[in-house]
Amino acid sequence: MVLEVTSRQFRDNQKIFFELADNGKRIVIKRRSKPSYELIPIDDEDDVYFTPEMNEKIDSAIEQYKNGKYTVFKSKDELHKFLDNL
């Protein structure tokens, strides 16, 4: 379940929302017509820039490369032709 709060509610009750996020609750902070944000705890062992899904994709790509499953393009034209056929 996701708890949606306004930016004002978040500002006025930050401690409560941080504690909820620490305990696994998903907190979404809404801002009228501006983008919303999700409050997610990050510990020292987390990679701040990549989600677990992105790390899995990176690990998979590294394995594919090690196993020779990749395509080499010798020119921009080859690359464009490949991308056009996707």
PDB file of N, CA and C in Angstrom:
ATOM      1  N   MET A   1       0.840  -1.184   0.000  1.00  0.00           N
ATOM      2  CA  MET A   1       0.000   0.000   0.000  1.00  0.00           C
ATOM      3  C   MET A   1       0.883   1.246   0.000  1.00  0.00           C
ATOM      4  N   VAL A   2       0.459   2.248  -0.720  1.00  0.00           N
ATOM      5  CA  VAL A   2       1.210   3.489  -0.837  1.00  0.00           C
ATOM      6  C   VAL A   2       0.488   4.575  -0.051  1.00  0.00           C
ATOM      7  N   LEU A   3       1.238   5.345   0.690  1.00  0.00           N
ATOM      8  CA  LEU A   3       0.693   6.478   1.418  1.00  0.00           C
ATOM      9  C   LEU A   3       1.052   7.741   0.650  1.00  0.00           C
ATOM     10  N   GLU A   4       0.042   8.451   0.142  1.00  0.00           N
ATOM     11  CA  GLU A   4       0.281   9.701  -0.574  1.00  0.00           C
ATOM     12  C   GLU A   4       0.059  10.870   0.373  1.00  0.00           C
ATOM     13  N   VAL A   5       1.005  11.790   0.381  1.00  0.00           N
ATOM     14  CA  VAL A   5       0.907  12.974   1.234  1.00  0.00           C
ATOM     15  C   VAL A   5       1.248  14.204   0.397  1.00  0.00           C
ATOM     16  N   THR A   6       0.758  15.340   0.833  1.00  0.00           N
ATOM     17  CA  THR A   6       1.112  16.582   0.155  1.00  0.00           C
ATOM     18  C   THR A   6       2.486  17.030   0.632  1.00  0.00           C
ATOM     19  N   SER A   7       3.090  17.915  -0.129  1.00  0.00           N
ATOM     20  CA  SER A   7       4.404  18.409   0.282  1.00  0.00           C
ATOM     21  C   SER A   7       4.302  19.143   1.619  1.00  0.00           C
ATOM     22  N   ARG A   8       3.185  19.799   1.853  1.00  0.00           N
ATOM     23  CA  ARG A   8       2.994  20.496   3.138  1.00  0.00           C
ATOM     24  C   ARG A   8       2.884  19.492   4.284  1.00  0.00           C
ATOM     25  N   GLN A   9       2.104  18.423   4.089  1.00  0.00           N
ATOM     26  CA  GLN A   9       1.990  17.390   5.127  1.00  0.00           C
ATOM     27  C   GLN A   9       3.362  16.786   5.421  1.00  0.00           C
ATOM     28  N   PHE A  10       4.127  16.553   4.348  1.00  0.00           N
ATOM     29  CA  PHE A  10       5.462  15.996   4.536  1.00  0.00           C
ATOM     30  C   PHE A  10       6.338  16.959   5.324  1.00  0.00           C
ATOM     31  N   ARG A  11       6.331  18.209   4.931  1.00  0.00           N
ATOM     32  CA  ARG A  11       7.151  19.222   5.594  1.00  0.00           C
ATOM     33  C   ARG A  11       6.794  19.333   7.081  1.00  0.00           C
ATOM     34  N   ASP A  12       5.484  19.284   7.384  1.00  0.00           N
ATOM     35  CA  ASP A  12       5.044  19.453   8.773  1.00  0.00           C
ATOM     36  C   ASP A  12       5.262  18.208   9.638  1.00  0.00           C
ATOM     37  N   ASN A  13       5.430  17.035   8.988  1.00  0.00           N
ATOM     38  CA  ASN A  13       5.520  15.775   9.747  1.00  0.00           C
ATOM     39  C   ASN A  13       6.657  14.891   9.255  1.00  0.00           C
ATOM     40  N   GLN A  14       7.774  15.480   8.896  1.00  0.00           N
ATOM     41  CA  GLN A  14       8.875  14.730   8.304  1.00  0.00           C
ATOM     42  C   GLN A  14       9.292  13.524   9.142  1.00  0.00           C
ATOM     43  N   LYS A  15       9.426  13.705  10.435  1.00  0.00           N
ATOM     44  CA  LYS A  15       9.899  12.627  11.295  1.00  0.00           C
ATOM     45  C   LYS A  15       9.002  11.396  11.173  1.00  0.00           C
ATOM     46  N   ILE A  16       7.704  11.607  11.171  1.00  0.00           N
ATOM     47  CA  ILE A  16       6.752  10.500  11.062  1.00  0.00           C
ATOM     48  C   ILE A  16       6.927   9.773   9.732  1.00  0.00           C
ATOM     49  N   PHE A  17       7.029  10.543   8.637  1.00  0.00           N
ATOM     50  CA  PHE A  17       7.135   9.926   7.317  1.00  0.00           C
ATOM     51  C   PHE A  17       8.478   9.223   7.122  1.00  0.00           C
ATOM     52  N   PHE A  18       9.548   9.774   7.689  1.00  0.00           N
ATOM     53  CA  PHE A  18      10.836   9.089   7.623  1.00  0.00           C
ATOM     54  C   PHE A  18      10.764   7.757   8.369  1.00  0.00           C
ATOM     55  N   GLU A  19      10.128   7.739   9.527  1.00  0.00           N
ATOM     56  CA  GLU A  19      10.007   6.508  10.297  1.00  0.00           C
ATOM     57  C   GLU A  19       9.163   5.475   9.550  1.00  0.00           C
ATOM     58  N   LEU A  20       8.078   5.926   8.916  1.00  0.00           N
ATOM     59  CA  LEU A  20       7.250   5.012   8.137  1.00  0.00           C
ATOM     60  C   LEU A  20       8.049   4.409   6.984  1.00  0.00           C
ATOM     61  N   ALA A  21       8.816   5.252   6.285  1.00  0.00           N
ATOM     62  CA  ALA A  21       9.649   4.764   5.173  1.00  0.00           C
ATOM     63  C   ALA A  21      10.708   3.801   5.697  1.00  0.00           C
ATOM     64  N   ASP A  22      11.291   4.097   6.861  1.00  0.00           N
ATOM     65  CA  ASP A  22      12.281   3.198   7.462  1.00  0.00           C
ATOM     66  C   ASP A  22      11.687   1.821   7.735  1.00  0.00           C
ATOM     67  N   ASN A  23      10.383   1.789   7.985  1.00  0.00           N
ATOM     68  CA  ASN A  23       9.703   0.526   8.305  1.00  0.00           C
ATOM     69  C   ASN A  23       9.044  -0.118   7.092  1.00  0.00           C
ATOM     70  N   GLY A  24       9.422   0.334   5.907  1.00  0.00           N
ATOM     71  CA  GLY A  24       8.966  -0.319   4.691  1.00  0.00           C
ATOM     72  C   GLY A  24       7.730   0.258   4.035  1.00  0.00           C
ATOM     73  N   LYS A  25       7.162   1.296   4.593  1.00  0.00           N
ATOM     74  CA  LYS A  25       5.975   1.915   4.004  1.00  0.00           C
ATOM     75  C   LYS A  25       6.385   2.757   2.799  1.00  0.00           C
ATOM     76  N   ARG A  26       5.633   2.657   1.702  1.00  0.00           N
ATOM     77  CA  ARG A  26       5.909   3.480   0.518  1.00  0.00           C
ATOM     78  C   ARG A  26       5.231   4.833   0.707  1.00  0.00           C
ATOM     79  N   ILE A  27       6.024   5.888   0.639  1.00  0.00           N
ATOM     80  CA  ILE A  27       5.532   7.244   0.824  1.00  0.00           C
ATOM     81  C   ILE A  27       5.714   8.012  -0.487  1.00  0.00           C
ATOM     82  N   VAL A  28       4.613   8.559  -1.027  1.00  0.00           N
ATOM     83  CA  VAL A  28       4.682   9.383  -2.224  1.00  0.00           C
ATOM     84  C   VAL A  28       4.297  10.800  -1.834  1.00  0.00           C
ATOM     85  N   ILE A  29       5.169  11.732  -2.171  1.00  0.00           N
ATOM     86  CA  ILE A  29       4.946  13.139  -1.846  1.00  0.00           C
ATOM     87  C   ILE A  29       4.442  13.833  -3.108  1.00  0.00           C
ATOM     88  N   LYS A  30       3.205  14.336  -3.045  1.00  0.00           N
ATOM     89  CA  LYS A  30       2.558  14.983  -4.191  1.00  0.00           C
ATOM     90  C   LYS A  30       2.758  16.497  -4.108  1.00  0.00           C
ATOM     91  N   ARG A  31       2.912  17.133  -5.285  1.00  0.00           N
ATOM     92  CA  ARG A  31       3.136  18.579  -5.335  1.00  0.00           C
ATOM     93  C   ARG A  31       2.246  19.226  -6.402  1.00  0.00           C
ATOM     94  N   ARG A  32       1.008  19.401  -6.125  1.00  0.00           N
ATOM     95  CA  ARG A  32       0.049  20.013  -7.056  1.00  0.00           C
ATOM     96  C   ARG A  32       0.292  19.561  -8.478  1.00  0.00           C
ATOM     97  N   SER A  33       0.655  20.473  -9.369  1.00  0.00           N
ATOM     98  CA  SER A  33       0.839  20.104 -10.779  1.00  0.00           C
ATOM     99  C   SER A  33       2.285  19.762 -11.108  1.00  0.00           C
ATOM    100  N   LYS A  34       3.129  19.709 -10.098  1.00  0.00           N
ATOM    101  CA  LYS A  34       4.542  19.376 -10.311  1.00  0.00           C
ATOM    102  C   LYS A  34       4.756  17.879 -10.104  1.00  0.00           C
ATOM    103  N   PRO A  35       5.946  17.371 -10.435  1.00  0.00           N
ATOM    104  CA  PRO A  35       6.197  15.919 -10.266  1.00  0.00           C
ATOM    105  C   PRO A  35       6.040  15.470  -8.812  1.00  0.00           C
ATOM    106  N   SER A  36       5.706  14.200  -8.656  1.00  0.00           N
ATOM    107  CA  SER A  36       5.642  13.578  -7.328  1.00  0.00           C
ATOM    108  C   SER A  36       6.960  12.879  -7.056  1.00  0.00           C
ATOM    109  N   TYR A  37       7.207  12.572  -5.783  1.00  0.00           N
ATOM    110  CA  TYR A  37       8.451  11.924  -5.390  1.00  0.00           C
ATOM    111  C   TYR A  37       8.143  10.804  -4.413  1.00  0.00           C
ATOM    112  N   GLU A  38       8.968   9.749  -4.461  1.00  0.00           N
ATOM    113  CA  GLU A  38       8.829   8.665  -3.501  1.00  0.00           C
ATOM    114  C   GLU A  38       9.968   8.751  -2.497  1.00  0.00           C
ATOM    115  N   LEU A  39       9.623   8.605  -1.229  1.00  0.00           N
ATOM    116  CA  LEU A  39      10.607   8.644  -0.154  1.00  0.00           C
ATOM    117  C   LEU A  39      11.118   7.223   0.067  1.00  0.00           C
ATOM    118  N   ILE A  40      12.407   7.021  -0.186  1.00  0.00           N
ATOM    119  CA  ILE A  40      13.011   5.692  -0.092  1.00  0.00           C
ATOM    120  C   ILE A  40      14.275   5.779   0.759  1.00  0.00           C
ATOM    121  N   PRO A  41      14.373   4.959   1.814  1.00  0.00           N
ATOM    122  CA  PRO A  41      15.601   4.982   2.609  1.00  0.00           C
ATOM    123  C   PRO A  41      16.779   4.381   1.842  1.00  0.00           C
ATOM    124  N   ILE A  42      17.934   4.948   2.024  1.00  0.00           N
ATOM    125  CA  ILE A  42      19.162   4.460   1.399  1.00  0.00           C
ATOM    126  C   ILE A  42      20.188   4.279   2.499  1.00  0.00           C
ATOM    127  N   ASP A  43      20.738   3.058   2.596  1.00  0.00           N
ATOM    128  CA  ASP A  43      21.787   2.859   3.595  1.00  0.00           C
ATOM    129  C   ASP A  43      23.148   2.910   2.915  1.00  0.00           C
ATOM    130  N   ASP A  44      24.200   2.798   3.687  1.00  0.00           N
ATOM    131  CA  ASP A  44      25.567   2.934   3.169  1.00  0.00           C
ATOM    132  C   ASP A  44      25.912   1.884   2.116  1.00  0.00           C
ATOM    133  N   GLU A  45      25.220   0.754   2.132  1.00  0.00           N
ATOM    134  CA  GLU A  45      25.536  -0.319   1.197  1.00  0.00           C
ATOM    135  C   GLU A  45      24.783  -0.186  -0.118  1.00  0.00           C
ATOM    136  N   ASP A  46      23.757   0.670  -0.151  1.00  0.00           N
ATOM    137  CA  ASP A  46      22.966   0.847  -1.371  1.00  0.00           C
ATOM    138  C   ASP A  46      23.723   1.655  -2.397  1.00  0.00           C
ATOM    139  N   ASP A  47      23.412   1.375  -3.648  1.00  0.00           N
ATOM    140  CA  ASP A  47      23.927   2.191  -4.741  1.00  0.00           C
ATOM    141  C   ASP A  47      22.885   3.267  -4.988  1.00  0.00           C
ATOM    142  N   VAL A  48      23.232   4.494  -4.696  1.00  0.00           N
ATOM    143  CA  VAL A  48      22.292   5.599  -4.754  1.00  0.00           C
ATOM    144  C   VAL A  48      21.743   5.805  -6.163  1.00  0.00           C
ATOM    145  N   TYR A  49      22.491   5.495  -7.174  1.00  0.00           N
ATOM    146  CA  TYR A  49      22.118   5.859  -8.533  1.00  0.00           C
ATOM    147  C   TYR A  49      21.365   4.787  -9.294  1.00  0.00           C
ATOM    148  N   PHE A  50      21.388   3.541  -8.849  1.00  0.00           N
ATOM    149  CA  PHE A  50      20.772   2.465  -9.603  1.00  0.00           C
ATOM    150  C   PHE A  50      19.777   1.688  -8.747  1.00  0.00           C
ATOM    151  N   THR A  51      18.641   1.367  -9.361  1.00  0.00           N
ATOM    152  CA  THR A  51      17.652   0.524  -8.696  1.00  0.00           C
ATOM    153  C   THR A  51      18.124  -0.926  -8.767  1.00  0.00           C
ATOM    154  N   PRO A  52      17.548  -1.798  -7.956  1.00  0.00           N
ATOM    155  CA  PRO A  52      17.925  -3.219  -8.054  1.00  0.00           C
ATOM    156  C   PRO A  52      17.681  -3.779  -9.456  1.00  0.00           C
ATOM    157  N   GLU A  53      16.606  -3.337 -10.099  1.00  0.00           N
ATOM    158  CA  GLU A  53      16.318  -3.812 -11.457  1.00  0.00           C
ATOM    159  C   GLU A  53      17.413  -3.389 -12.424  1.00  0.00           C
ATOM    160  N   MET A  54      17.888  -2.158 -12.291  1.00  0.00           N
ATOM    161  CA  MET A  54      18.947  -1.668 -13.174  1.00  0.00           C
ATOM    162  C   MET A  54      20.242  -2.442 -12.920  1.00  0.00           C
ATOM    163  N   ASN A  55      20.553  -2.716 -11.668  1.00  0.00           N
ATOM    164  CA  ASN A  55      21.752  -3.510 -11.359  1.00  0.00           C
ATOM    165  C   ASN A  55      21.659  -4.906 -11.968  1.00  0.00           C
ATOM    166  N   GLU A  56      20.454  -5.499 -11.945  1.00  0.00           N
ATOM    167  CA  GLU A  56      20.273  -6.818 -12.558  1.00  0.00           C
ATOM    168  C   GLU A  56      20.515  -6.758 -14.063  1.00  0.00           C
ATOM    169  N   LYS A  57      20.011  -5.702 -14.712  1.00  0.00           N
ATOM    170  CA  LYS A  57      20.221  -5.545 -16.156  1.00  0.00           C
ATOM    171  C   LYS A  57      21.705  -5.371 -16.475  1.00  0.00           C
ATOM    172  N   ILE A  58      22.403  -4.622 -15.657  1.00  0.00           N
ATOM    173  CA  ILE A  58      23.839  -4.416 -15.862  1.00  0.00           C
ATOM    174  C   ILE A  58      24.585  -5.742 -15.699  1.00  0.00           C
ATOM    175  N   ASP A  59      24.261  -6.481 -14.640  1.00  0.00           N
ATOM    176  CA  ASP A  59      24.908  -7.785 -14.419  1.00  0.00           C
ATOM    177  C   ASP A  59      24.633  -8.737 -15.580  1.00  0.00           C
ATOM    178  N   SER A  60      23.392  -8.720 -16.078  1.00  0.00           N
ATOM    179  CA  SER A  60      23.029  -9.569 -17.213  1.00  0.00           C
ATOM    180  C   SER A  60      23.820  -9.179 -18.458  1.00  0.00           C
ATOM    181  N   ALA A  61      23.960  -7.878 -18.701  1.00  0.00           N
ATOM    182  CA  ALA A  61      24.713  -7.406 -19.870  1.00  0.00           C
ATOM    183  C   ALA A  61      26.181  -7.804 -19.776  1.00  0.00           C
ATOM    184  N   ILE A  62      26.752  -7.740 -18.585  1.00  0.00           N
ATOM    185  CA  ILE A  62      28.146  -8.138 -18.392  1.00  0.00           C
ATOM    186  C   ILE A  62      28.311  -9.623 -18.702  1.00  0.00           C
ATOM    187  N   GLU A  63      27.367 -10.454 -18.238  1.00  0.00           N
ATOM    188  CA  GLU A  63      27.413 -11.891 -18.517  1.00  0.00           C
ATOM    189  C   GLU A  63      27.297 -12.162 -20.016  1.00  0.00           C
ATOM    190  N   GLN A  64      26.379 -11.443 -20.681  1.00  0.00           N
ATOM    191  CA  GLN A  64      26.220 -11.620 -22.122  1.00  0.00           C
ATOM    192  C   GLN A  64      27.524 -11.271 -22.842  1.00  0.00           C
ATOM    193  N   TYR A  65      28.167 -10.204 -22.425  1.00  0.00           N
ATOM    194  CA  TYR A  65      29.431  -9.804 -23.044  1.00  0.00           C
ATOM    195  C   TYR A  65      30.496 -10.878 -22.839  1.00  0.00           C
ATOM    196  N   LYS A  66      30.593 -11.378 -21.608  1.00  0.00           N
ATOM    197  CA  LYS A  66      31.588 -12.416 -21.306  1.00  0.00           C
ATOM    198  C   LYS A  66      31.353 -13.674 -22.140  1.00  0.00           C
ATOM    199  N   ASN A  67      30.077 -13.951 -22.461  1.00  0.00           N
ATOM    200  CA  ASN A  67      29.727 -15.147 -23.236  1.00  0.00           C
ATOM    201  C   ASN A  67      29.723 -14.883 -24.739  1.00  0.00           C
ATOM    202  N   GLY A  68      30.191 -13.718 -25.144  1.00  0.00           N
ATOM    203  CA  GLY A  68      30.293 -13.407 -26.561  1.00  0.00           C
ATOM    204  C   GLY A  68      28.978 -13.044 -27.231  1.00  0.00           C
ATOM    205  N   LYS A  69      27.981 -12.751 -26.452  1.00  0.00           N
ATOM    206  CA  LYS A  69      26.663 -12.412 -27.003  1.00  0.00           C
ATOM    207  C   LYS A  69      26.530 -10.889 -27.112  1.00  0.00           C
ATOM    208  N   TYR A  70      27.162 -10.333 -28.134  1.00  0.00           N
ATOM    209  CA  TYR A  70      27.093  -8.899 -28.379  1.00  0.00           C
ATOM    210  C   TYR A  70      27.294  -8.650 -29.863  1.00  0.00           C
ATOM    211  N   THR A  71      26.970  -7.447 -30.292  1.00  0.00           N
ATOM    212  CA  THR A  71      27.086  -7.077 -31.696  1.00  0.00           C
ATOM    213  C   THR A  71      28.097  -5.950 -31.829  1.00  0.00           C
ATOM    214  N   VAL A  72      28.968  -6.065 -32.826  1.00  0.00           N
ATOM    215  CA  VAL A  72      29.967  -5.033 -33.087  1.00  0.00           C
ATOM    216  C   VAL A  72      29.544  -4.268 -34.336  1.00  0.00           C
ATOM    217  N   PHE A  73      29.580  -2.959 -34.254  1.00  0.00           N
ATOM    218  CA  PHE A  73      29.273  -2.106 -35.402  1.00  0.00           C
ATOM    219  C   PHE A  73      30.554  -1.415 -35.837  1.00  0.00           C
ATOM    220  N   LYS A  74      30.833  -1.490 -37.119  1.00  0.00           N
ATOM    221  CA  LYS A  74      32.062  -0.895 -37.639  1.00  0.00           C
ATOM    222  C   LYS A  74      31.845   0.514 -38.167  1.00  0.00           C
ATOM    223  N   SER A  75      30.588   0.926 -38.259  1.00  0.00           N
ATOM    224  CA  SER A  75      30.314   2.284 -38.740  1.00  0.00           C
ATOM    225  C   SER A  75      28.991   2.772 -38.154  1.00  0.00           C
ATOM    226  N   LYS A  76      28.775   4.072 -38.256  1.00  0.00           N
ATOM    227  CA  LYS A  76      27.510   4.641 -37.808  1.00  0.00           C
ATOM    228  C   LYS A  76      26.357   4.103 -38.655  1.00  0.00           C
ATOM    229  N   ASP A  77      26.616   3.899 -39.931  1.00  0.00           N
ATOM    230  CA  ASP A  77      25.573   3.383 -40.818  1.00  0.00           C
ATOM    231  C   ASP A  77      25.094   2.000 -40.354  1.00  0.00           C
ATOM    232  N   GLU A  78      26.039   1.143 -39.972  1.00  0.00           N
ATOM    233  CA  GLU A  78      25.660  -0.185 -39.471  1.00  0.00           C
ATOM    234  C   GLU A  78      24.804  -0.055 -38.209  1.00  0.00           C
ATOM    235  N   LEU A  79      25.199   0.838 -37.333  1.00  0.00           N
ATOM    236  CA  LEU A  79      24.447   1.057 -36.096  1.00  0.00           C
ATOM    237  C   LEU A  79      23.045   1.563 -36.407  1.00  0.00           C
ATOM    238  N   HIS A  80      22.946   2.552 -37.285  1.00  0.00           N
ATOM    239  CA  HIS A  80      21.633   3.108 -37.637  1.00  0.00           C
ATOM    240  C   HIS A  80      20.741   2.052 -38.293  1.00  0.00           C
ATOM    241  N   LYS A  81      21.314   1.239 -39.141  1.00  0.00           N
ATOM    242  CA  LYS A  81      20.546   0.171 -39.805  1.00  0.00           C
ATOM    243  C   LYS A  81      20.016  -0.810 -38.758  1.00  0.00           C
ATOM    244  N   PHE A  82      20.861  -1.177 -37.811  1.00  0.00           N
ATOM    245  CA  PHE A  82      20.449  -2.081 -36.736  1.00  0.00           C
ATOM    246  C   PHE A  82      19.310  -1.467 -35.926  1.00  0.00           C
ATOM    247  N   LEU A  83      19.475  -0.212 -35.538  1.00  0.00           N
ATOM    248  CA  LEU A  83      18.444   0.458 -34.711  1.00  0.00           C
ATOM    249  C   LEU A  83      17.135   0.623 -35.474  1.00  0.00           C
ATOM    250  N   ASP A  84      17.227   0.904 -36.773  1.00  0.00           N
ATOM    251  CA  ASP A  84      16.016   1.040 -37.591  1.00  0.00           C
ATOM    252  C   ASP A  84      15.237  -0.258 -37.671  1.00  0.00           C
ATOM    253  N   ASN A  85      15.916  -1.395 -37.548  1.00  0.00           N
ATOM    254  CA  ASN A  85      15.266  -2.701 -37.653  1.00  0.00           C
ATOM    255  C   ASN A  85      14.727  -3.221 -36.327  1.00  0.00           C
ATOM    256  N   LEU A  86      14.909  -2.473 -35.267  1.00  0.00           N
ATOM    257  CA  LEU A  86      14.391  -2.928 -33.960  1.00  0.00           C
ATOM    258  C   LEU A  86      12.881  -2.779 -33.886  1.00  0.00           C
TER     259      LEU A  86
END
